[in-house]
PDB file of all heavy atoms in Angstrom:
ATOM      1  N   ASN A   1      -0.516 -30.299  18.173  1.00  0.00           N
ATOM      2  CA  ASN A   1       0.764 -30.622  18.407  1.00  0.00           C
ATOM      3  C   ASN A   1       1.713 -29.484  17.790  1.00  0.00           C
ATOM      4  O   ASN A   1       1.715 -29.231  16.691  1.00  0.00           O
ATOM      5  CB  ASN A   1       1.234 -31.938  17.839  1.00  0.00           C
ATOM      6  CG  ASN A   1       2.490 -32.408  18.200  1.00  0.00           C
ATOM      7  OD1 ASN A   1       3.126 -31.841  19.180  1.00  0.00           O
ATOM      8  ND2 ASN A   1       2.951 -33.583  17.685  1.00  0.00           N
ATOM      9  N   SER A   2       2.500 -28.899  18.630  1.00  0.00           N
ATOM     10  CA  SER A   2       3.427 -27.783  18.150  1.00  0.00           C
ATOM     11  C   SER A   2       4.684 -28.159  17.655  1.00  0.00           C
ATOM     12  O   SER A   2       5.435 -27.464  17.021  1.00  0.00           O
ATOM     13  CB  SER A   2       3.589 -26.760  19.272  1.00  0.00           C
ATOM     14  OG  SER A   2       4.201 -27.349  20.434  1.00  0.00           O
ATOM     15  N   SER A   3       5.050 -29.529  17.903  1.00  0.00           N
ATOM     16  CA  SER A   3       6.308 -30.068  17.378  1.00  0.00           C
ATOM     17  C   SER A   3       6.192 -30.364  15.972  1.00  0.00           C
ATOM     18  O   SER A   3       5.164 -30.780  15.421  1.00  0.00           O
ATOM     19  CB  SER A   3       6.762 -31.210  18.288  1.00  0.00           C
ATOM     20  OG  SER A   3       5.789 -32.318  18.164  1.00  0.00           O
ATOM     21  N   ILE A   4       7.431 -30.352  15.302  1.00  0.00           N
ATOM     22  CA  ILE A   4       7.406 -30.739  13.805  1.00  0.00           C
ATOM     23  C   ILE A   4       8.145 -32.093  13.798  1.00  0.00           C
ATOM     24  O   ILE A   4       9.272 -32.287  14.309  1.00  0.00           O
ATOM     25  CB  ILE A   4       8.197 -29.685  13.071  1.00  0.00           C
ATOM     26  CG1 ILE A   4       7.465 -28.296  13.166  1.00  0.00           C
ATOM     27  CG2 ILE A   4       8.391 -30.067  11.602  1.00  0.00           C
ATOM     28  CD1 ILE A   4       8.156 -27.199  12.550  1.00  0.00           C
ATOM     29  N   SER A   5       7.539 -32.949  13.129  1.00  0.00           N
ATOM     30  CA  SER A   5       8.018 -34.355  12.996  1.00  0.00           C
ATOM     31  C   SER A   5       9.087 -34.560  11.941  1.00  0.00           C
ATOM     32  O   SER A   5       9.758 -35.556  11.946  1.00  0.00           O
ATOM     33  CB  SER A   5       6.843 -35.307  12.599  1.00  0.00           C
ATOM     34  OG  SER A   5       6.215 -35.012  11.405  1.00  0.00           O
ATOM     35  N   PHE A   6       9.370 -33.553  11.176  1.00  0.00           N
ATOM     36  CA  PHE A   6      10.460 -33.741  10.118  1.00  0.00           C
ATOM     37  C   PHE A   6      11.865 -33.475  10.781  1.00  0.00           C
ATOM     38  O   PHE A   6      12.030 -32.465  11.482  1.00  0.00           O
ATOM     39  CB  PHE A   6      10.213 -32.815   8.977  1.00  0.00           C
ATOM     40  CG  PHE A   6       8.783 -33.101   8.342  1.00  0.00           C
ATOM     41  CD1 PHE A   6       8.007 -31.944   7.922  1.00  0.00           C
ATOM     42  CD2 PHE A   6       8.160 -34.316   8.121  1.00  0.00           C
ATOM     43  CE1 PHE A   6       6.677 -32.097   7.436  1.00  0.00           C
ATOM     44  CE2 PHE A   6       6.995 -34.480   7.783  1.00  0.00           C
ATOM     45  CZ  PHE A   6       6.159 -33.318   7.321  1.00  0.00           C
ATOM     46  N   PRO A   7      12.768 -34.206  10.506  1.00  0.00           N
ATOM     47  CA  PRO A   7      14.195 -33.805  11.043  1.00  0.00           C
ATOM     48  C   PRO A   7      14.785 -32.739  10.278  1.00  0.00           C
ATOM     49  O   PRO A   7      15.354 -31.744  10.841  1.00  0.00           O
ATOM     50  CB  PRO A   7      14.960 -35.084  10.793  1.00  0.00           C
ATOM     51  CG  PRO A   7      14.293 -35.908   9.606  1.00  0.00           C
ATOM     52  CD  PRO A   7      12.727 -35.567   9.765  1.00  0.00           C
ATOM     53  N   GLN A   8      14.495 -32.566   8.955  1.00  0.00           N
ATOM     54  CA  GLN A   8      14.955 -31.367   8.177  1.00  0.00           C
ATOM     55  C   GLN A   8      13.751 -30.833   7.381  1.00  0.00           C
ATOM     56  O   GLN A   8      13.045 -31.542   6.793  1.00  0.00           O
ATOM     57  CB  GLN A   8      16.059 -31.779   7.285  1.00  0.00           C
ATOM     58  CG  GLN A   8      17.373 -32.350   7.925  1.00  0.00           C
ATOM     59  CD  GLN A   8      18.385 -32.668   7.042  1.00  0.00           C
ATOM     60  OE1 GLN A   8      18.278 -33.498   6.161  1.00  0.00           O
ATOM     61  NE2 GLN A   8      19.587 -32.043   7.171  1.00  0.00           N
ATOM     62  N   TYR A   9      13.622 -29.471   7.514  1.00  0.00           N
ATOM     63  CA  TYR A   9      12.431 -28.946   6.874  1.00  0.00           C
ATOM     64  C   TYR A   9      12.731 -27.394   6.549  1.00  0.00           C
ATOM     65  O   TYR A   9      13.632 -26.833   7.186  1.00  0.00           O
ATOM     66  CB  TYR A   9      11.241 -29.000   7.708  1.00  0.00           C
ATOM     67  CG  TYR A   9      11.347 -28.398   9.056  1.00  0.00           C
ATOM     68  CD1 TYR A   9      11.086 -27.121   9.355  1.00  0.00           C
ATOM     69  CD2 TYR A   9      11.740 -29.185  10.205  1.00  0.00           C
ATOM     70  CE1 TYR A   9      11.187 -26.497  10.736  1.00  0.00           C
ATOM     71  CE2 TYR A   9      12.019 -28.632  11.398  1.00  0.00           C
ATOM     72  CZ  TYR A   9      11.623 -27.318  11.592  1.00  0.00           C
ATOM     73  OH  TYR A   9      11.835 -26.740  12.840  1.00  0.00           O
ATOM     74  N   ASP A  10      11.924 -26.928   5.647  1.00  0.00           N
ATOM     75  CA  ASP A  10      11.857 -25.444   5.296  1.00  0.00           C
ATOM     76  C   ASP A  10      10.563 -24.998   5.812  1.00  0.00           C
ATOM     77  O   ASP A  10       9.411 -25.637   5.715  1.00  0.00           O
ATOM     78  CB  ASP A  10      12.034 -25.202   3.886  1.00  0.00           C
ATOM     79  CG  ASP A  10      13.483 -25.290   3.459  1.00  0.00           C
ATOM     80  OD1 ASP A  10      14.300 -25.126   4.198  1.00  0.00           O
ATOM     81  OD2 ASP A  10      13.634 -25.503   2.186  1.00  0.00           O
ATOM     82  N   LYS A  11      10.478 -23.735   6.399  1.00  0.00           N
ATOM     83  CA  LYS A  11       9.318 -23.038   6.897  1.00  0.00           C
ATOM     84  C   LYS A  11       8.942 -21.884   6.146  1.00  0.00           C
ATOM     85  O   LYS A  11       9.818 -20.985   5.936  1.00  0.00           O
ATOM     86  CB  LYS A  11       9.371 -22.806   8.337  1.00  0.00           C
ATOM     87  CG  LYS A  11       8.064 -22.194   8.884  1.00  0.00           C
ATOM     88  CD  LYS A  11       8.274 -21.900  10.334  1.00  0.00           C
ATOM     89  CE  LYS A  11       8.446 -23.064  11.253  1.00  0.00           C
ATOM     90  NZ  LYS A  11       8.519 -22.666  12.660  1.00  0.00           N
ATOM     91  N   ILE A  12       7.816 -21.885   5.417  1.00  0.00           N
ATOM     92  CA  ILE A  12       7.414 -20.642   4.640  1.00  0.00           C
ATOM     93  C   ILE A  12       6.234 -20.059   5.391  1.00  0.00           C
ATOM     94  O   ILE A  12       5.212 -20.734   5.677  1.00  0.00           O
ATOM     95  CB  ILE A  12       7.036 -21.042   3.297  1.00  0.00           C
ATOM     96  CG1 ILE A  12       8.132 -21.817   2.461  1.00  0.00           C
ATOM     97  CG2 ILE A  12       6.565 -19.854   2.458  1.00  0.00           C
ATOM     98  CD1 ILE A  12       7.830 -22.394   1.133  1.00  0.00           C
ATOM     99  N   SER A  13       6.383 -18.765   5.695  1.00  0.00           N
ATOM    100  CA  SER A  13       5.325 -18.160   6.441  1.00  0.00           C
ATOM    101  C   SER A  13       4.624 -17.005   5.602  1.00  0.00           C
ATOM    102  O   SER A  13       5.338 -16.301   4.884  1.00  0.00           O
ATOM    103  CB  SER A  13       5.806 -17.385   7.733  1.00  0.00           C
ATOM    104  OG  SER A  13       6.475 -18.459   8.570  1.00  0.00           O
ATOM    105  N   SER A  14       3.311 -16.913   5.807  1.00  0.00           N
ATOM    106  CA  SER A  14       2.542 -15.852   5.070  1.00  0.00           C
ATOM    107  C   SER A  14       1.647 -15.235   6.120  1.00  0.00           C
ATOM    108  O   SER A  14       0.985 -16.033   6.861  1.00  0.00           O
ATOM    109  CB  SER A  14       1.723 -16.438   3.830  1.00  0.00           C
ATOM    110  OG  SER A  14       2.652 -16.929   2.960  1.00  0.00           O
ATOM    111  N   THR A  15       1.457 -13.887   6.135  1.00  0.00           N
ATOM    112  CA  THR A  15       0.655 -13.148   7.103  1.00  0.00           C
ATOM    113  C   THR A  15      -0.346 -12.191   6.338  1.00  0.00           C
ATOM    114  O   THR A  15       0.133 -11.495   5.520  1.00  0.00           O
ATOM    115  CB  THR A  15       1.454 -12.416   8.026  1.00  0.00           C
ATOM    116  OG1 THR A  15       2.309 -13.295   8.708  1.00  0.00           O
ATOM    117  CG2 THR A  15       0.573 -11.863   9.114  1.00  0.00           C
ATOM    118  N   TRP A  16      -1.543 -12.329   6.664  1.00  0.00           N
ATOM    119  CA  TRP A  16      -2.625 -11.364   6.132  1.00  0.00           C
ATOM    120  C   TRP A  16      -3.119 -10.533   7.304  1.00  0.00           C
ATOM    121  O   TRP A  16      -3.697 -11.040   8.191  1.00  0.00           O
ATOM    122  CB  TRP A  16      -3.753 -12.107   5.424  1.00  0.00           C
ATOM    123  CG  TRP A  16      -3.341 -12.898   4.306  1.00  0.00           C
ATOM    124  CD1 TRP A  16      -3.319 -12.504   2.953  1.00  0.00           C
ATOM    125  CD2 TRP A  16      -2.997 -14.301   4.179  1.00  0.00           C
ATOM    126  NE1 TRP A  16      -2.854 -13.461   2.207  1.00  0.00           N
ATOM    127  CE2 TRP A  16      -2.695 -14.664   2.852  1.00  0.00           C
ATOM    128  CE3 TRP A  16      -2.757 -15.329   5.289  1.00  0.00           C
ATOM    129  CZ2 TRP A  16      -2.204 -15.849   2.498  1.00  0.00           C
ATOM    130  CZ3 TRP A  16      -2.337 -16.480   4.855  1.00  0.00           C
ATOM    131  CH2 TRP A  16      -2.033 -16.782   3.503  1.00  0.00           C
ATOM    132  N   THR A  17      -2.761  -9.185   7.259  1.00  0.00           N
ATOM    133  CA  THR A  17      -3.162  -8.298   8.326  1.00  0.00           C
ATOM    134  C   THR A  17      -4.407  -7.506   7.966  1.00  0.00           C
ATOM    135  O   THR A  17      -4.521  -6.958   6.733  1.00  0.00           O
ATOM    136  CB  THR A  17      -1.935  -7.287   8.538  1.00  0.00           C
ATOM    137  OG1 THR A  17      -0.800  -8.064   8.878  1.00  0.00           O
ATOM    138  CG2 THR A  17      -2.374  -6.401   9.682  1.00  0.00           C
ATOM    139  N   LEU A  18      -5.375  -7.299   8.813  1.00  0.00           N
ATOM    140  CA  LEU A  18      -6.578  -6.615   8.588  1.00  0.00           C
ATOM    141  C   LEU A  18      -6.238  -5.072   8.623  1.00  0.00           C
ATOM    142  O   LEU A  18      -5.511  -4.596   9.454  1.00  0.00           O
ATOM    143  CB  LEU A  18      -7.623  -6.966   9.790  1.00  0.00           C
ATOM    144  CG  LEU A  18      -8.820  -6.087   9.736  1.00  0.00           C
ATOM    145  CD1 LEU A  18      -9.594  -6.502   8.443  1.00  0.00           C
ATOM    146  CD2 LEU A  18      -9.680  -6.454  10.994  1.00  0.00           C
ATOM    147  N   SER A  19      -6.644  -4.473   7.548  1.00  0.00           N
ATOM    148  CA  SER A  19      -6.404  -2.942   7.366  1.00  0.00           C
ATOM    149  C   SER A  19      -7.762  -2.336   7.203  1.00  0.00           C
ATOM    150  O   SER A  19      -8.588  -2.893   6.426  1.00  0.00           O
ATOM    151  CB  SER A  19      -5.554  -2.839   6.236  1.00  0.00           C
ATOM    152  OG  SER A  19      -4.199  -3.412   6.447  1.00  0.00           O
ATOM    153  N   LEU A  20      -7.835  -1.128   7.639  1.00  0.00           N
ATOM    154  CA  LEU A  20      -9.016  -0.301   7.437  1.00  0.00           C
ATOM    155  C   LEU A  20      -8.834   0.399   6.070  1.00  0.00           C
ATOM    156  O   LEU A  20      -7.927   0.484   5.485  1.00  0.00           O
ATOM    157  CB  LEU A  20      -9.167   0.700   8.583  1.00  0.00           C
ATOM    158  CG  LEU A  20      -9.355   0.187  10.037  1.00  0.00           C
ATOM    159  CD1 LEU A  20      -9.416   1.371  10.957  1.00  0.00           C
ATOM    160  CD2 LEU A  20     -10.556  -0.683  10.105  1.00  0.00           C
ATOM    161  N   PRO A  21     -10.041   0.967   5.547  1.00  0.00           N
ATOM    162  CA  PRO A  21     -10.005   1.616   4.259  1.00  0.00           C
ATOM    163  C   PRO A  21      -9.071   2.711   4.135  1.00  0.00           C
ATOM    164  O   PRO A  21      -8.523   2.917   3.087  1.00  0.00           O
ATOM    165  CB  PRO A  21     -11.506   2.053   4.054  1.00  0.00           C
ATOM    166  CG  PRO A  21     -12.229   1.148   4.985  1.00  0.00           C
ATOM    167  CD  PRO A  21     -11.469   0.725   6.059  1.00  0.00           C
ATOM    168  N   GLY A  22      -8.795   3.323   5.291  1.00  0.00           N
ATOM    169  CA  GLY A  22      -7.754   4.516   5.117  1.00  0.00           C
ATOM    170  C   GLY A  22      -6.351   4.047   5.152  1.00  0.00           C
ATOM    171  O   GLY A  22      -5.503   4.840   5.029  1.00  0.00           O
ATOM    172  N   GLY A  23      -6.085   2.706   5.282  1.00  0.00           N
ATOM    173  CA  GLY A  23      -4.713   2.151   5.355  1.00  0.00           C
ATOM    174  C   GLY A  23      -4.217   1.897   6.655  1.00  0.00           C
ATOM    175  O   GLY A  23      -3.099   1.383   6.926  1.00  0.00           O
ATOM    176  N   GLN A  24      -5.018   2.159   7.724  1.00  0.00           N
ATOM    177  CA  GLN A  24      -4.555   1.941   9.128  1.00  0.00           C
ATOM    178  C   GLN A  24      -4.638   0.375   9.445  1.00  0.00           C
ATOM    179  O   GLN A  24      -5.718  -0.205   9.234  1.00  0.00           O
ATOM    180  CB  GLN A  24      -5.560   2.632  10.098  1.00  0.00           C
ATOM    181  CG  GLN A  24      -5.210   2.403  11.514  1.00  0.00           C
ATOM    182  CD  GLN A  24      -3.834   3.021  11.877  1.00  0.00           C
ATOM    183  OE1 GLN A  24      -3.543   4.101  11.493  1.00  0.00           O
ATOM    184  NE2 GLN A  24      -3.079   2.260  12.686  1.00  0.00           N
ATOM    185  N   THR A  25      -3.526  -0.186   9.896  1.00  0.00           N
ATOM    186  CA  THR A  25      -3.492  -1.593  10.096  1.00  0.00           C
ATOM    187  C   THR A  25      -3.944  -1.858  11.497  1.00  0.00           C
ATOM    188  O   THR A  25      -3.848  -1.155  12.429  1.00  0.00           O
ATOM    189  CB  THR A  25      -2.122  -2.144  10.034  1.00  0.00           C
ATOM    190  OG1 THR A  25      -1.172  -1.493  11.041  1.00  0.00           O
ATOM    191  CG2 THR A  25      -1.487  -1.945   8.632  1.00  0.00           C
ATOM    192  N   MET A  26      -4.822  -2.950  11.693  1.00  0.00           N
ATOM    193  CA  MET A  26      -5.392  -3.432  12.994  1.00  0.00           C
ATOM    194  C   MET A  26      -4.520  -4.586  13.552  1.00  0.00           C
ATOM    195  O   MET A  26      -3.896  -5.242  12.742  1.00  0.00           O
ATOM    196  CB  MET A  26      -6.837  -3.879  12.746  1.00  0.00           C
ATOM    197  CG  MET A  26      -7.720  -2.734  12.171  1.00  0.00           C
ATOM    198  SD  MET A  26      -7.780  -1.296  13.246  1.00  0.00           S
ATOM    199  CE  MET A  26      -8.703  -1.963  14.615  1.00  0.00           C
ATOM    200  N   PRO A  27      -4.591  -4.674  14.931  1.00  0.00           N
ATOM    201  CA  PRO A  27      -3.854  -5.722  15.587  1.00  0.00           C
ATOM    202  C   PRO A  27      -4.433  -7.144  15.390  1.00  0.00           C
ATOM    203  O   PRO A  27      -4.703  -7.864  16.311  1.00  0.00           O
ATOM    204  CB  PRO A  27      -3.816  -5.222  16.980  1.00  0.00           C
ATOM    205  CG  PRO A  27      -5.046  -4.507  17.154  1.00  0.00           C
ATOM    206  CD  PRO A  27      -5.314  -3.784  15.823  1.00  0.00           C
TER     207      PRO A  27
END
């Protein structure tokens, strides 16, 4: 379910991106 049941809410997002040893980020 993509809907949020709370009438009022805060959203905190965290993202971990895959990176190669040389620092190149992957999609």
